[in-house]
Amino acid sequence: MDELQSALNAHVDQVADLVEKLSAELRSGLKPAYENFLGFFHAIDWKEPWLICLISFHVFLLLVTFMSRKNINFQMCLFLLALGGVYLAERLNRILSANWKSFAEQNYFDTNGLFLSVLWSGPLLVISIIILVNTLFSLCYLMVRWKRAELRHRARAANSKED
């Protein structure tokens, strides 16, 4: 019994050490990511008119998504358009990179497309996920309604056979 207790204690100590090391790595690993995010955030001139329009577009799209949550057909069109916008982000980045002087004060459009991924594709993907979750909830609700109607129909059919 003592051997089992000592083996269990050794295992618990080993797991505690692993969790402590993982926690320390995560804390030290997230600090550079946070600093990179702050650098990215401060490098952008948020008062540029086209950026204000882009953010306004995403807010408008989010409001339309919430307001049309009962209209599944419209939301599916919106879902496909949002995913189409994400799909075309690479081409859009190339076009905007070539013509940035006509609408911006600095070139935000690098070859990797980080800026456009964060400010264009990211919000579109979030809106797409909201639409997808809403659609799944609507489908669950529809399945419950259908099953209730089926059970009511069976009950009526059973009552009519008894009469």
N, C-alpha and C. Protein backbone atom coordinates (compact mmCIF):
# COMPACT_ATOMS: atom_id res chain seq x y z
N MET A 1 0.81 -1.19 0.00
CA MET A 1 0.00 0.00 0.00
C MET A 1 0.86 1.26 0.00
N ASP A 2 1.99 1.22 0.74
CA ASP A 2 2.90 2.36 0.79
C ASP A 2 3.53 2.62 -0.57
N GLU A 3 3.81 1.54 -1.29
CA GLU A 3 4.39 1.69 -2.63
C GLU A 3 3.41 2.39 -3.57
N LEU A 4 2.15 2.00 -3.46
CA LEU A 4 1.12 2.62 -4.29
C LEU A 4 0.97 4.10 -3.95
N GLN A 5 0.99 4.41 -2.65
CA GLN A 5 0.88 5.80 -2.21
C GLN A 5 2.06 6.62 -2.69
N SER A 6 3.27 6.08 -2.60
CA SER A 6 4.46 6.82 -3.04
C SER A 6 4.48 6.99 -4.55
N ALA A 7 4.02 5.97 -5.29
CA ALA A 7 3.95 6.09 -6.75
C ALA A 7 2.93 7.14 -7.15
N LEU A 8 1.79 7.17 -6.45
CA LEU A 8 0.76 8.16 -6.72
C LEU A 8 1.26 9.57 -6.42
N ASN A 9 1.95 9.74 -5.29
CA ASN A 9 2.52 11.04 -4.94
C ASN A 9 3.56 11.50 -5.96
N ALA A 10 4.39 10.56 -6.42
CA ALA A 10 5.40 10.90 -7.42
C ALA A 10 4.73 11.34 -8.72
N HIS A 11 3.66 10.64 -9.10
CA HIS A 11 2.94 11.00 -10.32
C HIS A 11 2.28 12.37 -10.19
N VAL A 12 1.67 12.65 -9.04
CA VAL A 12 1.04 13.95 -8.81
C VAL A 12 2.09 15.06 -8.84
N ASP A 13 3.25 14.82 -8.25
CA ASP A 13 4.33 15.81 -8.29
C ASP A 13 4.80 16.07 -9.71
N GLN A 14 4.91 15.01 -10.50
CA GLN A 14 5.35 15.15 -11.89
C GLN A 14 4.32 15.95 -12.70
N VAL A 15 3.04 15.66 -12.52
CA VAL A 15 1.99 16.40 -13.23
C VAL A 15 1.99 17.86 -12.79
N ALA A 16 2.18 18.12 -11.50
CA ALA A 16 2.21 19.50 -11.00
C ALA A 16 3.39 20.26 -11.61
N ASP A 17 4.54 19.61 -11.73
CA ASP A 17 5.70 20.25 -12.37
C ASP A 17 5.41 20.57 -13.83
N LEU A 18 4.77 19.62 -14.54
CA LEU A 18 4.44 19.86 -15.95
C LEU A 18 3.47 21.03 -16.10
N VAL A 19 2.47 21.09 -15.24
CA VAL A 19 1.50 22.19 -15.32
C VAL A 19 2.18 23.51 -15.00
N GLU A 20 3.07 23.51 -14.03
CA GLU A 20 3.79 24.75 -13.68
C GLU A 20 4.67 25.21 -14.84
N LYS A 21 5.37 24.28 -15.49
CA LYS A 21 6.22 24.64 -16.63
C LYS A 21 5.37 25.16 -17.79
N LEU A 22 4.25 24.49 -18.05
CA LEU A 22 3.36 24.93 -19.13
C LEU A 22 2.81 26.32 -18.84
N SER A 23 2.42 26.56 -17.62
CA SER A 23 1.91 27.87 -17.24
C SER A 23 2.96 28.96 -17.42
N ALA A 24 4.19 28.67 -17.02
CA ALA A 24 5.27 29.65 -17.18
C ALA A 24 5.55 29.92 -18.66
N GLU A 25 5.52 28.88 -19.48
CA GLU A 25 5.75 29.05 -20.92
C GLU A 25 4.64 29.87 -21.56
N LEU A 26 3.41 29.60 -21.16
CA LEU A 26 2.29 30.36 -21.72
C LEU A 26 2.37 31.83 -21.34
N ARG A 27 2.70 32.10 -20.08
CA ARG A 27 2.81 33.50 -19.66
C ARG A 27 3.92 34.21 -20.40
N SER A 28 5.06 33.55 -20.57
CA SER A 28 6.16 34.21 -21.28
C SER A 28 5.91 34.22 -22.79
N GLY A 29 5.16 33.22 -23.28
CA GLY A 29 4.89 33.14 -24.71
C GLY A 29 3.84 34.12 -25.19
N LEU A 30 2.92 34.51 -24.33
CA LEU A 30 1.87 35.44 -24.72
C LEU A 30 2.32 36.89 -24.68
N LYS A 31 3.35 37.18 -23.92
CA LYS A 31 3.80 38.56 -23.82
C LYS A 31 4.30 39.10 -25.16
N PRO A 32 5.14 38.36 -25.92
CA PRO A 32 5.53 38.88 -27.24
C PRO A 32 4.34 39.03 -28.20
N ALA A 33 3.38 38.13 -28.11
CA ALA A 33 2.20 38.24 -28.98
C ALA A 33 1.41 39.50 -28.63
N TYR A 34 1.28 39.79 -27.35
CA TYR A 34 0.58 40.99 -26.91
C TYR A 34 1.32 42.24 -27.37
N GLU A 35 2.65 42.21 -27.25
CA GLU A 35 3.44 43.37 -27.70
C GLU A 35 3.35 43.55 -29.21
N ASN A 36 3.34 42.46 -29.97
CA ASN A 36 3.17 42.54 -31.42
C ASN A 36 1.80 43.11 -31.78
N PHE A 37 0.77 42.69 -31.05
CA PHE A 37 -0.57 43.22 -31.30
C PHE A 37 -0.61 44.72 -31.03
N LEU A 38 -0.02 45.15 -29.93
CA LEU A 38 -0.01 46.58 -29.63
C LEU A 38 0.76 47.36 -30.69
N GLY A 39 1.87 46.80 -31.16
CA GLY A 39 2.63 47.45 -32.23
C GLY A 39 1.81 47.56 -33.50
N PHE A 40 1.09 46.49 -33.85
CA PHE A 40 0.22 46.50 -35.02
C PHE A 40 -0.88 47.54 -34.86
N PHE A 41 -1.49 47.58 -33.68
CA PHE A 41 -2.58 48.50 -33.41
C PHE A 41 -2.12 49.95 -33.49
N HIS A 42 -0.94 50.25 -32.96
CA HIS A 42 -0.45 51.63 -32.95
C HIS A 42 0.13 52.05 -34.30
N ALA A 43 0.46 51.11 -35.15
CA ALA A 43 1.02 51.44 -36.46
C ALA A 43 -0.05 51.92 -37.44
N ILE A 44 -1.30 51.69 -37.12
CA ILE A 44 -2.40 52.03 -38.03
C ILE A 44 -2.93 53.41 -37.67
N ASP A 45 -3.12 54.23 -38.70
CA ASP A 45 -3.75 55.54 -38.51
C ASP A 45 -5.27 55.33 -38.62
N TRP A 46 -5.93 55.24 -37.48
CA TRP A 46 -7.35 54.89 -37.43
C TRP A 46 -8.25 56.02 -37.89
N LYS A 47 -7.69 57.19 -38.18
CA LYS A 47 -8.51 58.32 -38.61
C LYS A 47 -8.59 58.44 -40.13
N GLU A 48 -7.98 57.50 -40.84
CA GLU A 48 -8.07 57.55 -42.30
C GLU A 48 -9.51 57.23 -42.71
N PRO A 49 -10.05 58.00 -43.66
CA PRO A 49 -11.47 57.82 -44.03
C PRO A 49 -11.81 56.42 -44.53
N TRP A 50 -10.93 55.80 -45.27
CA TRP A 50 -11.24 54.48 -45.80
C TRP A 50 -11.29 53.43 -44.68
N LEU A 51 -10.48 53.61 -43.65
CA LEU A 51 -10.53 52.68 -42.51
C LEU A 51 -11.82 52.87 -41.71
N ILE A 52 -12.23 54.12 -41.56
CA ILE A 52 -13.50 54.39 -40.87
C ILE A 52 -14.65 53.78 -41.66
N CYS A 53 -14.60 53.89 -42.98
CA CYS A 53 -15.64 53.28 -43.82
C CYS A 53 -15.61 51.75 -43.71
N LEU A 54 -14.44 51.17 -43.67
CA LEU A 54 -14.33 49.71 -43.55
C LEU A 54 -14.91 49.23 -42.23
N ILE A 55 -14.58 49.91 -41.15
CA ILE A 55 -15.11 49.53 -39.84
C ILE A 55 -16.62 49.75 -39.81
N SER A 56 -17.07 50.85 -40.39
CA SER A 56 -18.51 51.11 -40.46
C SER A 56 -19.23 50.04 -41.27
N PHE A 57 -18.61 49.58 -42.34
CA PHE A 57 -19.18 48.51 -43.15
C PHE A 57 -19.36 47.25 -42.33
N HIS A 58 -18.34 46.90 -41.55
CA HIS A 58 -18.43 45.69 -40.74
C HIS A 58 -19.48 45.83 -39.63
N VAL A 59 -19.58 47.00 -39.04
CA VAL A 59 -20.61 47.23 -38.01
C VAL A 59 -22.00 47.14 -38.65
N PHE A 60 -22.16 47.74 -39.82
CA PHE A 60 -23.44 47.68 -40.54
C PHE A 60 -23.79 46.23 -40.88
N LEU A 61 -22.82 45.47 -41.35
CA LEU A 61 -23.05 44.07 -41.70
C LEU A 61 -23.43 43.26 -40.46
N LEU A 62 -22.80 43.56 -39.35
CA LEU A 62 -23.14 42.88 -38.10
C LEU A 62 -24.56 43.22 -37.66
N LEU A 63 -24.95 44.48 -37.78
CA LEU A 63 -26.32 44.88 -37.44
C LEU A 63 -27.35 44.21 -38.36
N VAL A 64 -27.04 44.15 -39.65
CA VAL A 64 -27.93 43.48 -40.60
C VAL A 64 -28.04 42.00 -40.24
N THR A 65 -26.94 41.41 -39.83
CA THR A 65 -26.95 39.99 -39.44
C THR A 65 -27.88 39.77 -38.25
N PHE A 66 -27.78 40.62 -37.24
CA PHE A 66 -28.64 40.46 -36.06
C PHE A 66 -30.10 40.78 -36.37
N MET A 67 -30.34 41.80 -37.18
CA MET A 67 -31.71 42.19 -37.48
C MET A 67 -32.41 41.18 -38.39
N SER A 68 -31.67 40.45 -39.19
CA SER A 68 -32.28 39.49 -40.12
C SER A 68 -32.17 38.06 -39.61
N ARG A 69 -32.01 37.89 -38.32
CA ARG A 69 -31.77 36.55 -37.78
C ARG A 69 -32.94 35.60 -38.00
N LYS A 70 -34.14 36.12 -38.22
CA LYS A 70 -35.31 35.26 -38.46
C LYS A 70 -35.45 34.86 -39.93
N ASN A 71 -34.77 35.58 -40.82
CA ASN A 71 -34.87 35.32 -42.25
C ASN A 71 -33.67 34.47 -42.70
N ILE A 72 -33.86 33.16 -42.68
CA ILE A 72 -32.75 32.24 -42.94
C ILE A 72 -32.25 32.34 -44.38
N ASN A 73 -33.15 32.53 -45.33
CA ASN A 73 -32.73 32.62 -46.73
C ASN A 73 -31.82 33.84 -46.95
N PHE A 74 -32.21 34.97 -46.39
CA PHE A 74 -31.38 36.16 -46.51
C PHE A 74 -30.04 35.94 -45.82
N GLN A 75 -30.07 35.30 -44.67
CA GLN A 75 -28.82 35.06 -43.96
C GLN A 75 -27.90 34.11 -44.72
N MET A 76 -28.47 33.16 -45.42
CA MET A 76 -27.62 32.26 -46.22
C MET A 76 -26.94 33.03 -47.35
N CYS A 77 -27.67 33.96 -47.96
CA CYS A 77 -27.05 34.81 -48.99
C CYS A 77 -25.95 35.66 -48.37
N LEU A 78 -26.22 36.23 -47.22
CA LEU A 78 -25.22 37.02 -46.51
C LEU A 78 -24.01 36.17 -46.12
N PHE A 79 -24.25 34.95 -45.70
CA PHE A 79 -23.19 34.01 -45.34
C PHE A 79 -22.29 33.74 -46.55
N LEU A 80 -22.91 33.45 -47.68
CA LEU A 80 -22.14 33.17 -48.89
C LEU A 80 -21.37 34.40 -49.37
N LEU A 81 -21.98 35.58 -49.27
CA LEU A 81 -21.28 36.81 -49.65
C LEU A 81 -20.08 37.08 -48.73
N ALA A 82 -20.26 36.85 -47.43
CA ALA A 82 -19.16 37.06 -46.49
C ALA A 82 -18.02 36.09 -46.77
N LEU A 83 -18.35 34.83 -47.00
CA LEU A 83 -17.29 33.87 -47.31
C LEU A 83 -16.66 34.14 -48.67
N GLY A 84 -17.46 34.67 -49.60
CA GLY A 84 -16.90 35.09 -50.88
C GLY A 84 -15.91 36.24 -50.71
N GLY A 85 -16.23 37.16 -49.79
CA GLY A 85 -15.31 38.25 -49.48
C GLY A 85 -14.00 37.74 -48.89
N VAL A 86 -14.09 36.72 -48.05
CA VAL A 86 -12.87 36.12 -47.48
C VAL A 86 -12.08 35.43 -48.59
N TYR A 87 -12.78 34.74 -49.47
CA TYR A 87 -12.11 34.04 -50.57
C TYR A 87 -11.37 35.01 -51.49
N LEU A 88 -11.95 36.17 -51.72
CA LEU A 88 -11.34 37.14 -52.63
C LEU A 88 -10.35 38.08 -51.93
N ALA A 89 -10.05 37.83 -50.68
CA ALA A 89 -9.17 38.72 -49.92
C ALA A 89 -7.76 38.80 -50.51
N GLU A 90 -7.25 37.70 -51.02
CA GLU A 90 -5.89 37.72 -51.59
C GLU A 90 -5.84 38.60 -52.84
N ARG A 91 -6.83 38.46 -53.70
CA ARG A 91 -6.87 39.32 -54.90
C ARG A 91 -7.06 40.78 -54.51
N LEU A 92 -7.94 41.00 -53.54
CA LEU A 92 -8.18 42.35 -53.07
C LEU A 92 -6.91 42.96 -52.49
N ASN A 93 -6.13 42.16 -51.78
CA ASN A 93 -4.87 42.65 -51.21
C ASN A 93 -3.91 43.06 -52.32
N ARG A 94 -3.83 42.26 -53.38
CA ARG A 94 -2.95 42.61 -54.51
C ARG A 94 -3.39 43.91 -55.17
N ILE A 95 -4.69 44.07 -55.38
CA ILE A 95 -5.21 45.27 -56.03
C ILE A 95 -4.97 46.50 -55.14
N LEU A 96 -5.26 46.37 -53.86
CA LEU A 96 -5.07 47.49 -52.95
C LEU A 96 -3.59 47.82 -52.74
N SER A 97 -2.76 46.81 -52.80
CA SER A 97 -1.31 47.04 -52.66
C SER A 97 -0.77 47.84 -53.85
N ALA A 98 -1.33 47.60 -55.01
CA ALA A 98 -0.88 48.32 -56.21
C ALA A 98 -1.41 49.75 -56.25
N ASN A 99 -2.54 50.01 -55.61
CA ASN A 99 -3.19 51.33 -55.72
C ASN A 99 -3.34 52.05 -54.38
N TRP A 100 -2.54 51.74 -53.40
CA TRP A 100 -2.74 52.30 -52.06
C TRP A 100 -2.54 53.81 -52.01
N LYS A 101 -1.75 54.37 -52.92
CA LYS A 101 -1.49 55.82 -52.88
C LYS A 101 -2.73 56.65 -53.18
N SER A 102 -3.70 56.06 -53.86
CA SER A 102 -4.90 56.83 -54.23
C SER A 102 -5.90 56.97 -53.08
N PHE A 103 -5.76 56.18 -52.01
CA PHE A 103 -6.74 56.28 -50.93
C PHE A 103 -6.15 56.25 -49.52
N ALA A 104 -4.86 55.95 -49.37
CA ALA A 104 -4.27 55.83 -48.03
C ALA A 104 -2.98 56.65 -47.95
N GLU A 105 -2.59 56.95 -46.72
CA GLU A 105 -1.36 57.71 -46.50
C GLU A 105 -0.14 56.81 -46.42
N GLN A 106 -0.33 55.53 -46.09
CA GLN A 106 0.78 54.59 -46.05
C GLN A 106 0.32 53.24 -46.58
N ASN A 107 1.27 52.41 -46.99
CA ASN A 107 0.95 51.11 -47.56
C ASN A 107 0.79 50.08 -46.45
N TYR A 108 -0.44 49.70 -46.20
CA TYR A 108 -0.74 48.69 -45.19
C TYR A 108 -0.72 47.28 -45.77
N PHE A 109 -0.67 47.15 -47.06
CA PHE A 109 -0.93 45.88 -47.74
C PHE A 109 0.36 45.15 -48.07
N ASP A 110 0.84 44.34 -47.13
CA ASP A 110 2.07 43.57 -47.33
C ASP A 110 1.77 42.34 -48.18
N THR A 111 2.82 41.66 -48.59
CA THR A 111 2.65 40.49 -49.46
C THR A 111 1.98 39.33 -48.75
N ASN A 112 2.13 39.24 -47.43
CA ASN A 112 1.50 38.15 -46.68
C ASN A 112 0.02 38.41 -46.43
N GLY A 113 -0.42 39.64 -46.55
CA GLY A 113 -1.82 39.97 -46.38
C GLY A 113 -2.29 40.00 -44.94
N LEU A 114 -1.39 40.28 -44.01
CA LEU A 114 -1.75 40.29 -42.60
C LEU A 114 -2.79 41.37 -42.29
N PHE A 115 -2.56 42.57 -42.79
CA PHE A 115 -3.47 43.68 -42.50
C PHE A 115 -4.87 43.37 -43.01
N LEU A 116 -4.96 42.92 -44.25
CA LEU A 116 -6.27 42.63 -44.82
C LEU A 116 -6.92 41.43 -44.14
N SER A 117 -6.12 40.48 -43.71
CA SER A 117 -6.68 39.33 -42.98
C SER A 117 -7.30 39.76 -41.66
N VAL A 118 -6.64 40.67 -40.97
CA VAL A 118 -7.14 41.10 -39.67
C VAL A 118 -8.34 42.03 -39.81
N LEU A 119 -8.28 42.98 -40.72
CA LEU A 119 -9.33 43.99 -40.80
C LEU A 119 -10.41 43.71 -41.84
N TRP A 120 -10.21 42.74 -42.71
CA TRP A 120 -11.24 42.41 -43.70
C TRP A 120 -11.77 41.00 -43.46
N SER A 121 -10.89 40.02 -43.52
CA SER A 121 -11.33 38.63 -43.41
C SER A 121 -11.76 38.27 -42.00
N GLY A 122 -11.08 38.78 -40.99
CA GLY A 122 -11.42 38.45 -39.61
C GLY A 122 -12.86 38.80 -39.26
N PRO A 123 -13.28 40.05 -39.45
CA PRO A 123 -14.68 40.38 -39.15
C PRO A 123 -15.68 39.62 -40.02
N LEU A 124 -15.34 39.38 -41.28
CA LEU A 124 -16.25 38.62 -42.14
C LEU A 124 -16.40 37.18 -41.64
N LEU A 125 -15.31 36.61 -41.15
CA LEU A 125 -15.39 35.25 -40.60
C LEU A 125 -16.19 35.23 -39.30
N VAL A 126 -16.05 36.23 -38.48
CA VAL A 126 -16.84 36.31 -37.24
C VAL A 126 -18.33 36.42 -37.58
N ILE A 127 -18.66 37.25 -38.55
CA ILE A 127 -20.06 37.39 -38.97
C ILE A 127 -20.57 36.07 -39.56
N SER A 128 -19.73 35.38 -40.32
CA SER A 128 -20.13 34.08 -40.87
C SER A 128 -20.38 33.06 -39.78
N ILE A 129 -19.57 33.07 -38.74
CA ILE A 129 -19.76 32.14 -37.63
C ILE A 129 -21.06 32.46 -36.90
N ILE A 130 -21.35 33.74 -36.72
CA ILE A 130 -22.62 34.13 -36.07
C ILE A 130 -23.80 33.64 -36.90
N ILE A 131 -23.73 33.80 -38.21
CA ILE A 131 -24.81 33.33 -39.09
C ILE A 131 -24.94 31.81 -39.01
N LEU A 132 -23.81 31.12 -38.99
CA LEU A 132 -23.82 29.66 -38.93
C LEU A 132 -24.45 29.17 -37.62
N VAL A 133 -24.07 29.78 -36.51
CA VAL A 133 -24.65 29.39 -35.21
C VAL A 133 -26.15 29.69 -35.19
N ASN A 134 -26.55 30.84 -35.72
CA ASN A 134 -27.97 31.17 -35.79
C ASN A 134 -28.72 30.15 -36.64
N THR A 135 -28.14 29.74 -37.75
CA THR A 135 -28.78 28.76 -38.62
C THR A 135 -28.93 27.42 -37.91
N LEU A 136 -27.90 27.02 -37.17
CA LEU A 136 -27.98 25.76 -36.43
C LEU A 136 -29.08 25.82 -35.36
N PHE A 137 -29.19 26.94 -34.65
CA PHE A 137 -30.27 27.09 -33.67
C PHE A 137 -31.63 27.06 -34.36
N SER A 138 -31.74 27.71 -35.50
CA SER A 138 -33.01 27.70 -36.23
C SER A 138 -33.38 26.30 -36.70
N LEU A 139 -32.39 25.55 -37.15
CA LEU A 139 -32.65 24.18 -37.58
C LEU A 139 -33.08 23.29 -36.41
N CYS A 140 -32.45 23.48 -35.27
CA CYS A 140 -32.86 22.72 -34.08
C CYS A 140 -34.30 23.06 -33.70
N TYR A 141 -34.64 24.32 -33.72
CA TYR A 141 -36.00 24.75 -33.40
C TYR A 141 -37.00 24.15 -34.41
N LEU A 142 -36.61 24.14 -35.69
CA LEU A 142 -37.48 23.58 -36.72
C LEU A 142 -37.68 22.08 -36.52
N MET A 143 -36.62 21.37 -36.14
CA MET A 143 -36.74 19.93 -35.90
C MET A 143 -37.66 19.65 -34.71
N VAL A 144 -37.59 20.48 -33.67
CA VAL A 144 -38.47 20.31 -32.52
C VAL A 144 -39.92 20.55 -32.92
N ARG A 145 -40.16 21.61 -33.69
CA ARG A 145 -41.53 21.89 -34.16
C ARG A 145 -42.07 20.74 -35.01
N TRP A 146 -41.22 20.22 -35.90
CA TRP A 146 -41.63 19.13 -36.78
C TRP A 146 -41.98 17.88 -35.96
N LYS A 147 -41.15 17.56 -34.98
CA LYS A 147 -41.41 16.37 -34.17
C LYS A 147 -42.68 16.54 -33.35
N ARG A 148 -42.92 17.73 -32.80
CA ARG A 148 -44.16 17.99 -32.06
C ARG A 148 -45.37 17.82 -32.97
N ALA A 149 -45.28 18.35 -34.18
CA ALA A 149 -46.39 18.21 -35.13
C ALA A 149 -46.61 16.74 -35.47
N GLU A 150 -45.54 16.00 -35.63
CA GLU A 150 -45.66 14.58 -35.94
C GLU A 150 -46.33 13.82 -34.78
N LEU A 151 -45.93 14.15 -33.54
CA LEU A 151 -46.53 13.49 -32.39
C LEU A 151 -48.01 13.86 -32.25
N ARG A 152 -48.36 15.12 -32.51
CA ARG A 152 -49.77 15.53 -32.48
C ARG A 152 -50.57 14.78 -33.54
N HIS A 153 -49.99 14.63 -34.72
CA HIS A 153 -50.66 13.92 -35.81
C HIS A 153 -50.88 12.45 -35.43
N ARG A 154 -49.88 11.82 -34.84
CA ARG A 154 -50.03 10.43 -34.42
C ARG A 154 -51.09 10.29 -33.33
N ALA A 155 -51.11 11.26 -32.41
CA ALA A 155 -52.11 11.21 -31.34
C ALA A 155 -53.52 11.36 -31.92
N ARG A 156 -53.70 12.26 -32.87
CA ARG A 156 -55.01 12.43 -33.51
C ARG A 156 -55.39 11.17 -34.28
N ALA A 157 -54.43 10.57 -34.96
CA ALA A 157 -54.72 9.36 -35.72
C ALA A 157 -55.09 8.22 -34.77
N ALA A 158 -54.41 8.12 -33.63
CA ALA A 158 -54.75 7.07 -32.66
C ALA A 158 -56.12 7.32 -32.06
N ASN A 159 -56.46 8.58 -31.78
CA ASN A 159 -57.78 8.91 -31.23
C ASN A 159 -58.89 8.62 -32.25
N SER A 160 -58.64 8.88 -33.51
CA SER A 160 -59.67 8.65 -34.53
C SER A 160 -59.87 7.14 -34.76
N LYS A 161 -58.83 6.32 -34.56
CA LYS A 161 -58.99 4.86 -34.71
C LYS A 161 -59.80 4.28 -33.55
N GLU A 162 -59.63 4.90 -32.35
CA GLU A 162 -60.37 4.41 -31.18
C GLU A 162 -61.86 4.70 -31.31
N ASP A 163 -62.21 5.78 -31.99
CA ASP A 163 -63.63 6.16 -32.10
C ASP A 163 -64.30 5.32 -33.14
